[in-house]
Amino acid sequence: KVHLFGNYPLPARGGSCGILFVNLPLPGIVMFGLCLALALGGMVG
């Protein structure tokens, strides 16, 4: 979670994000790509 304090005339802003943890010794981008490929491949195929 990130908070940017206001700086007149700019208002305060905030943002957040969550990252899914998978307990496997693989890069997250690889696991996400595999899951996405399985989902799209299964539905389209």
PDB file of all heavy atoms in Angstrom:
ATOM      1  N   LYS A   1       0.851  -1.190   0.000  1.00  0.00           N
ATOM      2  CA  LYS A   1       0.000   0.000   0.000  1.00  0.00           C
ATOM      3  C   LYS A   1       0.890   1.243   0.000  1.00  0.00           C
ATOM      4  O   LYS A   1       1.834   1.335   0.799  1.00  0.00           O
ATOM      5  CB  LYS A   1      -0.936   0.013   1.208  1.00  0.00           C
ATOM      6  CG  LYS A   1      -2.147   0.915   1.022  1.00  0.00           C
ATOM      7  CD  LYS A   1      -3.272   0.499   1.940  1.00  0.00           C
ATOM      8  CE  LYS A   1      -4.603   1.104   1.511  1.00  0.00           C
ATOM      9  NZ  LYS A   1      -5.700   0.650   2.353  1.00  0.00           N
ATOM     10  N   VAL A   2       0.575   2.180  -0.886  1.00  0.00           N
ATOM     11  CA  VAL A   2       1.379   3.387  -1.062  1.00  0.00           C
ATOM     12  C   VAL A   2       0.504   4.611  -0.825  1.00  0.00           C
ATOM     13  O   VAL A   2      -0.643   4.676  -1.312  1.00  0.00           O
ATOM     14  CB  VAL A   2       1.987   3.443  -2.478  1.00  0.00           C
ATOM     15  CG1 VAL A   2       2.812   4.715  -2.659  1.00  0.00           C
ATOM     16  CG2 VAL A   2       2.838   2.213  -2.752  1.00  0.00           C
ATOM     17  N   HIS A   3       1.036   5.574  -0.077  1.00  0.00           N
ATOM     18  CA  HIS A   3       0.326   6.830   0.170  1.00  0.00           C
ATOM     19  C   HIS A   3       1.218   7.997  -0.228  1.00  0.00           C
ATOM     20  O   HIS A   3       2.354   8.126   0.237  1.00  0.00           O
ATOM     21  CB  HIS A   3      -0.049   6.967   1.649  1.00  0.00           C
ATOM     22  CG  HIS A   3      -0.771   8.241   1.968  1.00  0.00           C
ATOM     23  ND1 HIS A   3      -2.115   8.413   1.711  1.00  0.00           N
ATOM     24  CD2 HIS A   3      -0.331   9.406   2.512  1.00  0.00           C
ATOM     25  CE1 HIS A   3      -2.478   9.630   2.089  1.00  0.00           C
ATOM     26  NE2 HIS A   3      -1.413  10.255   2.574  1.00  0.00           N
ATOM     27  N   LEU A   4       0.692   8.827  -1.125  1.00  0.00           N
ATOM     28  CA  LEU A   4       1.375  10.048  -1.540  1.00  0.00           C
ATOM     29  C   LEU A   4       0.717  11.224  -0.827  1.00  0.00           C
ATOM     30  O   LEU A   4      -0.460  11.513  -1.044  1.00  0.00           O
ATOM     31  CB  LEU A   4       1.265  10.227  -3.058  1.00  0.00           C
ATOM     32  CG  LEU A   4       1.777  11.545  -3.641  1.00  0.00           C
ATOM     33  CD1 LEU A   4       3.268  11.703  -3.392  1.00  0.00           C
ATOM     34  CD2 LEU A   4       1.467  11.629  -5.130  1.00  0.00           C
ATOM     35  N   PHE A   5       1.454  11.877   0.062  1.00  0.00           N
ATOM     36  CA  PHE A   5       0.897  12.999   0.808  1.00  0.00           C
ATOM     37  C   PHE A   5       0.613  14.173  -0.129  1.00  0.00           C
ATOM     38  O   PHE A   5       1.301  14.372  -1.133  1.00  0.00           O
ATOM     39  CB  PHE A   5       1.860  13.427   1.919  1.00  0.00           C
ATOM     40  CG  PHE A   5       1.953  12.444   3.045  1.00  0.00           C
ATOM     41  CD1 PHE A   5       2.885  11.417   3.018  1.00  0.00           C
ATOM     42  CD2 PHE A   5       1.092  12.534   4.137  1.00  0.00           C
ATOM     43  CE1 PHE A   5       2.968  10.503   4.055  1.00  0.00           C
ATOM     44  CE2 PHE A   5       1.162  11.622   5.183  1.00  0.00           C
ATOM     45  CZ  PHE A   5       2.106  10.603   5.140  1.00  0.00           C
ATOM     46  N   GLY A   6      -0.428  14.909   0.222  1.00  0.00           N
ATOM     47  CA  GLY A   6      -0.824  16.043  -0.594  1.00  0.00           C
ATOM     48  C   GLY A   6       0.257  17.111  -0.658  1.00  0.00           C
ATOM     49  O   GLY A   6       1.028  17.309   0.282  1.00  0.00           O
ATOM     50  N   ASN A   7       0.328  17.795  -1.785  1.00  0.00           N
ATOM     51  CA  ASN A   7       1.292  18.881  -1.999  1.00  0.00           C
ATOM     52  C   ASN A   7       0.551  19.961  -2.791  1.00  0.00           C
ATOM     53  O   ASN A   7       0.381  19.844  -3.996  1.00  0.00           O
ATOM     54  CB  ASN A   7       2.510  18.364  -2.762  1.00  0.00           C
ATOM     55  CG  ASN A   7       3.676  19.322  -2.733  1.00  0.00           C
ATOM     56  OD1 ASN A   7       3.516  20.533  -2.870  1.00  0.00           O
ATOM     57  ND2 ASN A   7       4.874  18.767  -2.550  1.00  0.00           N
ATOM     58  N   TYR A   8       0.083  20.975  -2.092  1.00  0.00           N
ATOM     59  CA  TYR A   8      -0.818  21.968  -2.695  1.00  0.00           C
ATOM     60  C   TYR A   8      -0.273  22.468  -4.040  1.00  0.00           C
ATOM     61  O   TYR A   8       0.907  22.800  -4.155  1.00  0.00           O
ATOM     62  CB  TYR A   8      -1.006  23.161  -1.745  1.00  0.00           C
ATOM     63  CG  TYR A   8      -2.000  24.167  -2.282  1.00  0.00           C
ATOM     64  CD1 TYR A   8      -3.361  23.969  -2.119  1.00  0.00           C
ATOM     65  CD2 TYR A   8      -1.542  25.294  -2.977  1.00  0.00           C
ATOM     66  CE1 TYR A   8      -4.270  24.891  -2.630  1.00  0.00           C
ATOM     67  CE2 TYR A   8      -2.441  26.210  -3.495  1.00  0.00           C
ATOM     68  CZ  TYR A   8      -3.811  26.008  -3.327  1.00  0.00           C
ATOM     69  OH  TYR A   8      -4.707  26.907  -3.844  1.00  0.00           O
ATOM     70  N   PRO A   9      -1.157  22.482  -5.056  1.00  0.00           N
ATOM     71  CA  PRO A   9      -2.599  22.206  -5.057  1.00  0.00           C
ATOM     72  C   PRO A   9      -2.942  20.747  -5.360  1.00  0.00           C
ATOM     73  O   PRO A   9      -4.086  20.420  -5.665  1.00  0.00           O
ATOM     74  CB  PRO A   9      -3.100  23.105  -6.189  1.00  0.00           C
ATOM     75  CG  PRO A   9      -1.975  23.071  -7.180  1.00  0.00           C
ATOM     76  CD  PRO A   9      -0.713  23.024  -6.363  1.00  0.00           C
ATOM     77  N   LEU A  10      -1.980  19.843  -5.290  1.00  0.00           N
ATOM     78  CA  LEU A  10      -2.199  18.435  -5.614  1.00  0.00           C
ATOM     79  C   LEU A  10      -2.717  17.691  -4.386  1.00  0.00           C
ATOM     80  O   LEU A  10      -2.135  17.797  -3.308  1.00  0.00           O
ATOM     81  CB  LEU A  10      -0.898  17.796  -6.097  1.00  0.00           C
ATOM     82  CG  LEU A  10      -0.229  18.477  -7.309  1.00  0.00           C
ATOM     83  CD1 LEU A  10       1.094  17.805  -7.605  1.00  0.00           C
ATOM     84  CD2 LEU A  10      -1.146  18.448  -8.519  1.00  0.00           C
ATOM     85  N   PRO A  11      -3.814  16.930  -4.540  1.00  0.00           N
ATOM     86  CA  PRO A  11      -4.377  16.213  -3.387  1.00  0.00           C
ATOM     87  C   PRO A  11      -3.569  14.969  -3.042  1.00  0.00           C
ATOM     88  O   PRO A  11      -2.751  14.491  -3.839  1.00  0.00           O
ATOM     89  CB  PRO A  11      -5.772  15.825  -3.888  1.00  0.00           C
ATOM     90  CG  PRO A  11      -5.593  15.642  -5.360  1.00  0.00           C
ATOM     91  CD  PRO A  11      -4.583  16.687  -5.779  1.00  0.00           C
ATOM     92  N   ALA A  12      -3.811  14.448  -1.846  1.00  0.00           N
ATOM     93  CA  ALA A  12      -3.213  13.171  -1.450  1.00  0.00           C
ATOM     94  C   ALA A  12      -3.775  12.057  -2.325  1.00  0.00           C
ATOM     95  O   ALA A  12      -4.931  12.103  -2.750  1.00  0.00           O
ATOM     96  CB  ALA A  12      -3.506  12.900   0.021  1.00  0.00           C
ATOM     97  N   ARG A  13      -2.932  11.072  -2.587  1.00  0.00           N
ATOM     98  CA  ARG A  13      -3.370   9.931  -3.394  1.00  0.00           C
ATOM     99  C   ARG A  13      -2.892   8.638  -2.747  1.00  0.00           C
ATOM    100  O   ARG A  13      -1.915   8.632  -1.989  1.00  0.00           O
ATOM    101  CB  ARG A  13      -2.823  10.030  -4.822  1.00  0.00           C
ATOM    102  CG  ARG A  13      -3.460  11.129  -5.662  1.00  0.00           C
ATOM    103  CD  ARG A  13      -2.925  11.109  -7.076  1.00  0.00           C
ATOM    104  NE  ARG A  13      -1.526  11.527  -7.115  1.00  0.00           N
ATOM    105  CZ  ARG A  13      -0.702  11.245  -8.121  1.00  0.00           C
ATOM    106  NH1 ARG A  13      -1.115  10.496  -9.129  1.00  0.00           N
ATOM    107  NH2 ARG A  13       0.552  11.666  -8.095  1.00  0.00           N
ATOM    108  N   GLY A  14      -3.581   7.569  -3.070  1.00  0.00           N
ATOM    109  CA  GLY A  14      -3.203   6.278  -2.517  1.00  0.00           C
ATOM    110  C   GLY A  14      -3.422   5.167  -3.524  1.00  0.00           C
ATOM    111  O   GLY A  14      -4.236   5.282  -4.438  1.00  0.00           O
ATOM    112  N   GLY A  15      -2.680   4.095  -3.355  1.00  0.00           N
ATOM    113  CA  GLY A  15      -2.823   2.932  -4.226  1.00  0.00           C
ATOM    114  C   GLY A  15      -2.383   1.671  -3.511  1.00  0.00           C
ATOM    115  O   GLY A  15      -1.671   1.729  -2.496  1.00  0.00           O
ATOM    116  N   SER A  16      -2.801   0.540  -4.033  1.00  0.00           N
ATOM    117  CA  SER A  16      -2.455  -0.734  -3.398  1.00  0.00           C
ATOM    118  C   SER A  16      -2.430  -1.837  -4.438  1.00  0.00           C
ATOM    119  O   SER A  16      -2.990  -1.704  -5.532  1.00  0.00           O
ATOM    120  CB  SER A  16      -3.476  -1.076  -2.297  1.00  0.00           C
ATOM    121  OG  SER A  16      -4.779  -1.200  -2.861  1.00  0.00           O
ATOM    122  N   CYS A  17      -1.788  -2.936  -4.078  1.00  0.00           N
ATOM    123  CA  CYS A  17      -1.808  -4.121  -4.935  1.00  0.00           C
ATOM    124  C   CYS A  17      -1.500  -5.343  -4.090  1.00  0.00           C
ATOM    125  O   CYS A  17      -0.838  -5.254  -3.055  1.00  0.00           O
ATOM    126  CB  CYS A  17      -0.824  -3.996  -6.095  1.00  0.00           C
ATOM    127  SG  CYS A  17       0.912  -3.917  -5.608  1.00  0.00           S
ATOM    128  N   GLY A  18      -2.011  -6.484  -4.540  1.00  0.00           N
ATOM    129  CA  GLY A  18      -1.743  -7.752  -3.878  1.00  0.00           C
ATOM    130  C   GLY A  18      -1.077  -8.713  -4.846  1.00  0.00           C
ATOM    131  O   GLY A  18      -1.423  -8.752  -6.030  1.00  0.00           O
ATOM    132  N   ILE A  19      -0.108  -9.466  -4.349  1.00  0.00           N
ATOM    133  CA  ILE A  19       0.636 -10.414  -5.183  1.00  0.00           C
ATOM    134  C   ILE A  19       0.367 -11.820  -4.669  1.00  0.00           C
ATOM    135  O   ILE A  19       0.573 -12.111  -3.497  1.00  0.00           O
ATOM    136  CB  ILE A  19       2.149 -10.110  -5.132  1.00  0.00           C
ATOM    137  CG1 ILE A  19       2.419  -8.654  -5.536  1.00  0.00           C
ATOM    138  CG2 ILE A  19       2.920 -11.069  -6.036  1.00  0.00           C
ATOM    139  CD1 ILE A  19       3.858  -8.224  -5.296  1.00  0.00           C
ATOM    140  N   LEU A  20      -0.107 -12.687  -5.547  1.00  0.00           N
ATOM    141  CA  LEU A  20      -0.434 -14.061  -5.172  1.00  0.00           C
ATOM    142  C   LEU A  20       0.845 -14.871  -4.974  1.00  0.00           C
ATOM    143  O   LEU A  20       1.684 -14.952  -5.863  1.00  0.00           O
ATOM    144  CB  LEU A  20      -1.302 -14.693  -6.259  1.00  0.00           C
ATOM    145  CG  LEU A  20      -1.662 -16.170  -6.096  1.00  0.00           C
ATOM    146  CD1 LEU A  20      -2.456 -16.391  -4.808  1.00  0.00           C
ATOM    147  CD2 LEU A  20      -2.446 -16.659  -7.308  1.00  0.00           C
ATOM    148  N   PHE A  21       0.987 -15.467  -3.790  1.00  0.00           N
ATOM    149  CA  PHE A  21       2.141 -16.304  -3.485  1.00  0.00           C
ATOM    150  C   PHE A  21       1.825 -17.758  -3.790  1.00  0.00           C
ATOM    151  O   PHE A  21       0.808 -18.301  -3.347  1.00  0.00           O
ATOM    152  CB  PHE A  21       2.532 -16.162  -2.013  1.00  0.00           C
ATOM    153  CG  PHE A  21       3.538 -17.186  -1.562  1.00  0.00           C
ATOM    154  CD1 PHE A  21       4.820 -17.200  -2.088  1.00  0.00           C
ATOM    155  CD2 PHE A  21       3.199 -18.138  -0.617  1.00  0.00           C
ATOM    156  CE1 PHE A  21       5.752 -18.143  -1.677  1.00  0.00           C
ATOM    157  CE2 PHE A  21       4.116 -19.089  -0.191  1.00  0.00           C
ATOM    158  CZ  PHE A  21       5.404 -19.085  -0.731  1.00  0.00           C
ATOM    159  N   VAL A  22       2.696 -18.390  -4.566  1.00  0.00           N
ATOM    160  CA  VAL A  22       2.570 -19.817  -4.875  1.00  0.00           C
ATOM    161  C   VAL A  22       3.848 -20.499  -4.401  1.00  0.00           C
ATOM    162  O   VAL A  22       4.954 -20.130  -4.828  1.00  0.00           O
ATOM    163  CB  VAL A  22       2.367 -20.053  -6.388  1.00  0.00           C
ATOM    164  CG1 VAL A  22       2.214 -21.543  -6.659  1.00  0.00           C
ATOM    165  CG2 VAL A  22       1.140 -19.296  -6.888  1.00  0.00           C
ATOM    166  N   ASN A  23       3.708 -21.460  -3.525  1.00  0.00           N
ATOM    167  CA  ASN A  23       4.864 -22.083  -2.882  1.00  0.00           C
ATOM    168  C   ASN A  23       5.520 -23.129  -3.789  1.00  0.00           C
ATOM    169  O   ASN A  23       5.540 -24.319  -3.504  1.00  0.00           O
ATOM    170  CB  ASN A  23       4.425 -22.717  -1.561  1.00  0.00           C
ATOM    171  CG  ASN A  23       5.613 -23.101  -0.693  1.00  0.00           C
ATOM    172  OD1 ASN A  23       6.738 -22.647  -0.917  1.00  0.00           O
ATOM    173  ND2 ASN A  23       5.384 -23.949   0.292  1.00  0.00           N
ATOM    174  N   LEU A  24       6.050 -22.635  -4.897  1.00  0.00           N
ATOM    175  CA  LEU A  24       6.780 -23.468  -5.847  1.00  0.00           C
ATOM    176  C   LEU A  24       8.053 -22.722  -6.254  1.00  0.00           C
ATOM    177  O   LEU A  24       8.050 -21.492  -6.366  1.00  0.00           O
ATOM    178  CB  LEU A  24       5.935 -23.761  -7.091  1.00  0.00           C
ATOM    179  CG  LEU A  24       4.719 -24.669  -6.918  1.00  0.00           C
ATOM    180  CD1 LEU A  24       3.909 -24.724  -8.210  1.00  0.00           C
ATOM    181  CD2 LEU A  24       5.144 -26.070  -6.504  1.00  0.00           C
ATOM    182  N   PRO A  25       9.156 -23.450  -6.513  1.00  0.00           N
ATOM    183  CA  PRO A  25      10.427 -22.789  -6.863  1.00  0.00           C
ATOM    184  C   PRO A  25      10.481 -22.371  -8.330  1.00  0.00           C
ATOM    185  O   PRO A  25      11.431 -22.691  -9.048  1.00  0.00           O
ATOM    186  CB  PRO A  25      11.462 -23.862  -6.530  1.00  0.00           C
ATOM    187  CG  PRO A  25      10.743 -25.148  -6.776  1.00  0.00           C
ATOM    188  CD  PRO A  25       9.317 -24.908  -6.352  1.00  0.00           C
ATOM    189  N   LEU A  26       9.460 -21.657  -8.773  1.00  0.00           N
ATOM    190  CA  LEU A  26       9.400 -21.156 -10.144  1.00  0.00           C
ATOM    191  C   LEU A  26       9.141 -19.660 -10.110  1.00  0.00           C
ATOM    192  O   LEU A  26       8.479 -19.161  -9.195  1.00  0.00           O
ATOM    193  CB  LEU A  26       8.272 -21.849 -10.926  1.00  0.00           C
ATOM    194  CG  LEU A  26       8.440 -23.330 -11.257  1.00  0.00           C
ATOM    195  CD1 LEU A  26       7.142 -23.874 -11.854  1.00  0.00           C
ATOM    196  CD2 LEU A  26       9.596 -23.543 -12.225  1.00  0.00           C
ATOM    197  N   PRO A  27       9.626 -18.923 -11.114  1.00  0.00           N
ATOM    198  CA  PRO A  27       9.308 -17.492 -11.165  1.00  0.00           C
ATOM    199  C   PRO A  27       7.802 -17.284 -11.292  1.00  0.00           C
ATOM    200  O   PRO A  27       7.103 -18.040 -11.986  1.00  0.00           O
ATOM    201  CB  PRO A  27      10.053 -17.007 -12.414  1.00  0.00           C
ATOM    202  CG  PRO A  27      11.120 -18.029 -12.653  1.00  0.00           C
ATOM    203  CD  PRO A  27      10.553 -19.327 -12.176  1.00  0.00           C
ATOM    204  N   GLY A  28       7.305 -16.251 -10.633  1.00  0.00           N
ATOM    205  CA  GLY A  28       5.881 -15.976 -10.682  1.00  0.00           C
ATOM    206  C   GLY A  28       5.371 -15.751 -12.084  1.00  0.00           C
ATOM    207  O   GLY A  28       4.265 -16.194 -12.440  1.00  0.00           O
ATOM    208  N   ILE A  29       6.158 -15.083 -12.915  1.00  0.00           N
ATOM    209  CA  ILE A  29       5.703 -14.798 -14.278  1.00  0.00           C
ATOM    210  C   ILE A  29       5.542 -16.085 -15.085  1.00  0.00           C
ATOM    211  O   ILE A  29       4.652 -16.194 -15.944  1.00  0.00           O
ATOM    212  CB  ILE A  29       6.684 -13.820 -14.977  1.00  0.00           C
ATOM    213  CG1 ILE A  29       6.083 -13.328 -16.288  1.00  0.00           C
ATOM    214  CG2 ILE A  29       8.044 -14.459 -15.197  1.00  0.00           C
ATOM    215  CD1 ILE A  29       6.873 -12.199 -16.923  1.00  0.00           C
ATOM    216  N   VAL A  30       6.385 -17.080 -14.799  1.00  0.00           N
ATOM    217  CA  VAL A  30       6.271 -18.371 -15.484  1.00  0.00           C
ATOM    218  C   VAL A  30       5.003 -19.095 -15.041  1.00  0.00           C
ATOM    219  O   VAL A  30       4.254 -19.631 -15.865  1.00  0.00           O
ATOM    220  CB  VAL A  30       7.514 -19.241 -15.221  1.00  0.00           C
ATOM    221  CG1 VAL A  30       7.321 -20.657 -15.761  1.00  0.00           C
ATOM    222  CG2 VAL A  30       8.748 -18.595 -15.845  1.00  0.00           C
ATOM    223  N   MET A  31       4.745 -19.123 -13.733  1.00  0.00           N
ATOM    224  CA  MET A  31       3.545 -19.790 -13.227  1.00  0.00           C
ATOM    225  C   MET A  31       2.277 -19.115 -13.724  1.00  0.00           C
ATOM    226  O   MET A  31       1.312 -19.775 -14.102  1.00  0.00           O
ATOM    227  CB  MET A  31       3.584 -19.829 -11.697  1.00  0.00           C
ATOM    228  CG  MET A  31       4.660 -20.728 -11.137  1.00  0.00           C
ATOM    229  SD  MET A  31       4.572 -20.935  -9.343  1.00  0.00           S
ATOM    230  CE  MET A  31       5.175 -19.332  -8.787  1.00  0.00           C
ATOM    231  N   PHE A  32       2.293 -17.785 -13.734  1.00  0.00           N
ATOM    232  CA  PHE A  32       1.121 -17.074 -14.231  1.00  0.00           C
ATOM    233  C   PHE A  32       0.902 -17.371 -15.715  1.00  0.00           C
ATOM    234  O   PHE A  32      -0.226 -17.607 -16.150  1.00  0.00           O
ATOM    235  CB  PHE A  32       1.273 -15.572 -14.024  1.00  0.00           C
ATOM    236  CG  PHE A  32       0.118 -14.777 -14.561  1.00  0.00           C
ATOM    237  CD1 PHE A  32      -1.086 -14.737 -13.867  1.00  0.00           C
ATOM    238  CD2 PHE A  32       0.224 -14.093 -15.758  1.00  0.00           C
ATOM    239  CE1 PHE A  32      -2.168 -14.021 -14.362  1.00  0.00           C
ATOM    240  CE2 PHE A  32      -0.850 -13.373 -16.269  1.00  0.00           C
ATOM    241  CZ  PHE A  32      -2.041 -13.330 -15.565  1.00  0.00           C
ATOM    242  N   GLY A  33       1.993 -17.369 -16.484  1.00  0.00           N
ATOM    243  CA  GLY A  33       1.875 -17.671 -17.911  1.00  0.00           C
ATOM    244  C   GLY A  33       1.334 -19.070 -18.159  1.00  0.00           C
ATOM    245  O   GLY A  33       0.499 -19.279 -19.051  1.00  0.00           O
ATOM    246  N   LEU A  34       1.786 -20.047 -17.360  1.00  0.00           N
ATOM    247  CA  LEU A  34       1.292 -21.419 -17.507  1.00  0.00           C
ATOM    248  C   LEU A  34      -0.194 -21.508 -17.185  1.00  0.00           C
ATOM    249  O   LEU A  34      -0.977 -22.149 -17.917  1.00  0.00           O
ATOM    250  CB  LEU A  34       2.087 -22.358 -16.602  1.00  0.00           C
ATOM    251  CG  LEU A  34       3.522 -22.671 -17.026  1.00  0.00           C
ATOM    252  CD1 LEU A  34       4.234 -23.486 -15.948  1.00  0.00           C
ATOM    253  CD2 LEU A  34       3.537 -23.432 -18.354  1.00  0.00           C
ATOM    254  N   CYS A  35      -0.609 -20.878 -16.083  1.00  0.00           N
ATOM    255  CA  CYS A  35      -2.025 -20.902 -15.702  1.00  0.00           C
ATOM    256  C   CYS A  35      -2.889 -20.229 -16.775  1.00  0.00           C
ATOM    257  O   CYS A  35      -3.965 -20.732 -17.138  1.00  0.00           O
ATOM    258  CB  CYS A  35      -2.231 -20.195 -14.368  1.00  0.00           C
ATOM    259  SG  CYS A  35      -1.564 -21.081 -12.954  1.00  0.00           S
ATOM    260  N   LEU A  36      -2.410 -19.099 -17.276  1.00  0.00           N
ATOM    261  CA  LEU A  36      -3.167 -18.392 -18.310  1.00  0.00           C
ATOM    262  C   LEU A  36      -3.252 -19.218 -19.589  1.00  0.00           C
ATOM    263  O   LEU A  36      -4.313 -19.286 -20.229  1.00  0.00           O
ATOM    264  CB  LEU A  36      -2.504 -17.042 -18.591  1.00  0.00           C
ATOM    265  CG  LEU A  36      -3.285 -16.070 -19.486  1.00  0.00           C
ATOM    266  CD1 LEU A  36      -4.626 -15.730 -18.873  1.00  0.00           C
ATOM    267  CD2 LEU A  36      -2.465 -14.811 -19.728  1.00  0.00           C
ATOM    268  N   ALA A  37      -2.143 -19.873 -19.965  1.00  0.00           N
ATOM    269  CA  ALA A  37      -2.141 -20.708 -21.164  1.00  0.00           C
ATOM    270  C   ALA A  37      -3.096 -21.891 -21.015  1.00  0.00           C
ATOM    271  O   ALA A  37      -3.820 -22.247 -21.957  1.00  0.00           O
ATOM    272  CB  ALA A  37      -0.722 -21.203 -21.452  1.00  0.00           C
ATOM    273  N   LEU A  38      -3.114 -22.508 -19.823  1.00  0.00           N
ATOM    274  CA  LEU A  38      -4.031 -23.625 -19.583  1.00  0.00           C
ATOM    275  C   LEU A  38      -5.486 -23.165 -19.659  1.00  0.00           C
ATOM    276  O   LEU A  38      -6.339 -23.856 -20.241  1.00  0.00           O
ATOM    277  CB  LEU A  38      -3.748 -24.252 -18.221  1.00  0.00           C
ATOM    278  CG  LEU A  38      -2.466 -25.079 -18.096  1.00  0.00           C
ATOM    279  CD1 LEU A  38      -2.229 -25.479 -16.645  1.00  0.00           C
ATOM    280  CD2 LEU A  38      -2.533 -26.310 -18.988  1.00  0.00           C
ATOM    281  N   ALA A  39      -5.759 -22.002 -19.084  1.00  0.00           N
ATOM    282  CA  ALA A  39      -7.134 -21.490 -19.101  1.00  0.00           C
ATOM    283  C   ALA A  39      -7.586 -21.162 -20.521  1.00  0.00           C
ATOM    284  O   ALA A  39      -8.647 -21.622 -20.976  1.00  0.00           O
ATOM    285  CB  ALA A  39      -7.238 -20.251 -18.209  1.00  0.00           C
ATOM    286  N   LEU A  40      -6.790 -20.376 -21.225  1.00  0.00           N
ATOM    287  CA  LEU A  40      -7.166 -19.979 -22.578  1.00  0.00           C
ATOM    288  C   LEU A  40      -7.163 -21.167 -23.528  1.00  0.00           C
ATOM    289  O   LEU A  40      -8.083 -21.319 -24.352  1.00  0.00           O
ATOM    290  CB  LEU A  40      -6.212 -18.899 -23.090  1.00  0.00           C
ATOM    291  CG  LEU A  40      -6.230 -17.564 -22.340  1.00  0.00           C
ATOM    292  CD1 LEU A  40      -5.205 -16.604 -22.934  1.00  0.00           C
ATOM    293  CD2 LEU A  40      -7.616 -16.948 -22.384  1.00  0.00           C
ATOM    294  N   GLY A  41      -6.132 -22.021 -23.413  1.00  0.00           N
ATOM    295  CA  GLY A  41      -6.061 -23.195 -24.273  1.00  0.00           C
ATOM    296  C   GLY A  41      -7.234 -24.129 -24.055  1.00  0.00           C
ATOM    297  O   GLY A  41      -7.808 -24.665 -25.023  1.00  0.00           O
ATOM    298  N   GLY A  42      -7.612 -24.327 -22.785  1.00  0.00           N
ATOM    299  CA  GLY A  42      -8.740 -25.199 -22.492  1.00  0.00           C
ATOM    300  C   GLY A  42     -10.051 -24.649 -23.018  1.00  0.00           C
ATOM    301  O   GLY A  42     -10.839 -25.373 -23.647  1.00  0.00           O
ATOM    302  N   MET A  43     -10.298 -23.361 -22.796  1.00  0.00           N
ATOM    303  CA  MET A  43     -11.567 -22.771 -23.243  1.00  0.00           C
ATOM    304  C   MET A  43     -11.663 -22.713 -24.764  1.00  0.00           C
ATOM    305  O   MET A  43     -12.674 -23.102 -25.348  1.00  0.00           O
ATOM    306  CB  MET A  43     -11.745 -21.376 -22.636  1.00  0.00           C
ATOM    307  CG  MET A  43     -12.022 -21.387 -21.143  1.00  0.00           C
ATOM    308  SD  MET A  43     -12.496 -19.765 -20.474  1.00  0.00           S
ATOM    309  CE  MET A  43     -10.959 -18.850 -20.691  1.00  0.00           C
ATOM    310  N   VAL A  44     -10.592 -22.243 -25.413  1.00  0.00           N
ATOM    311  CA  VAL A  44     -10.618 -22.139 -26.877  1.00  0.00           C
ATOM    312  C   VAL A  44     -10.609 -23.524 -27.517  1.00  0.00           C
ATOM    313  O   VAL A  44     -11.409 -23.811 -28.422  1.00  0.00           O
ATOM    314  CB  VAL A  44      -9.419 -21.304 -27.379  1.00  0.00           C
ATOM    315  CG1 VAL A  44      -9.349 -21.333 -28.901  1.00  0.00           C
ATOM    316  CG2 VAL A  44      -9.539 -19.867 -26.895  1.00  0.00           C
ATOM    317  N   GLY A  45      -9.716 -24.403 -27.044  1.00  0.00           N
ATOM    318  CA  GLY A  45      -9.648 -25.746 -27.599  1.00  0.00           C
ATOM    319  C   GLY A  45     -10.935 -26.525 -27.395  1.00  0.00           C
ATOM    320  O   GLY A  45     -11.391 -27.254 -28.287  1.00  0.00           O
TER     321      GLY A  45
END
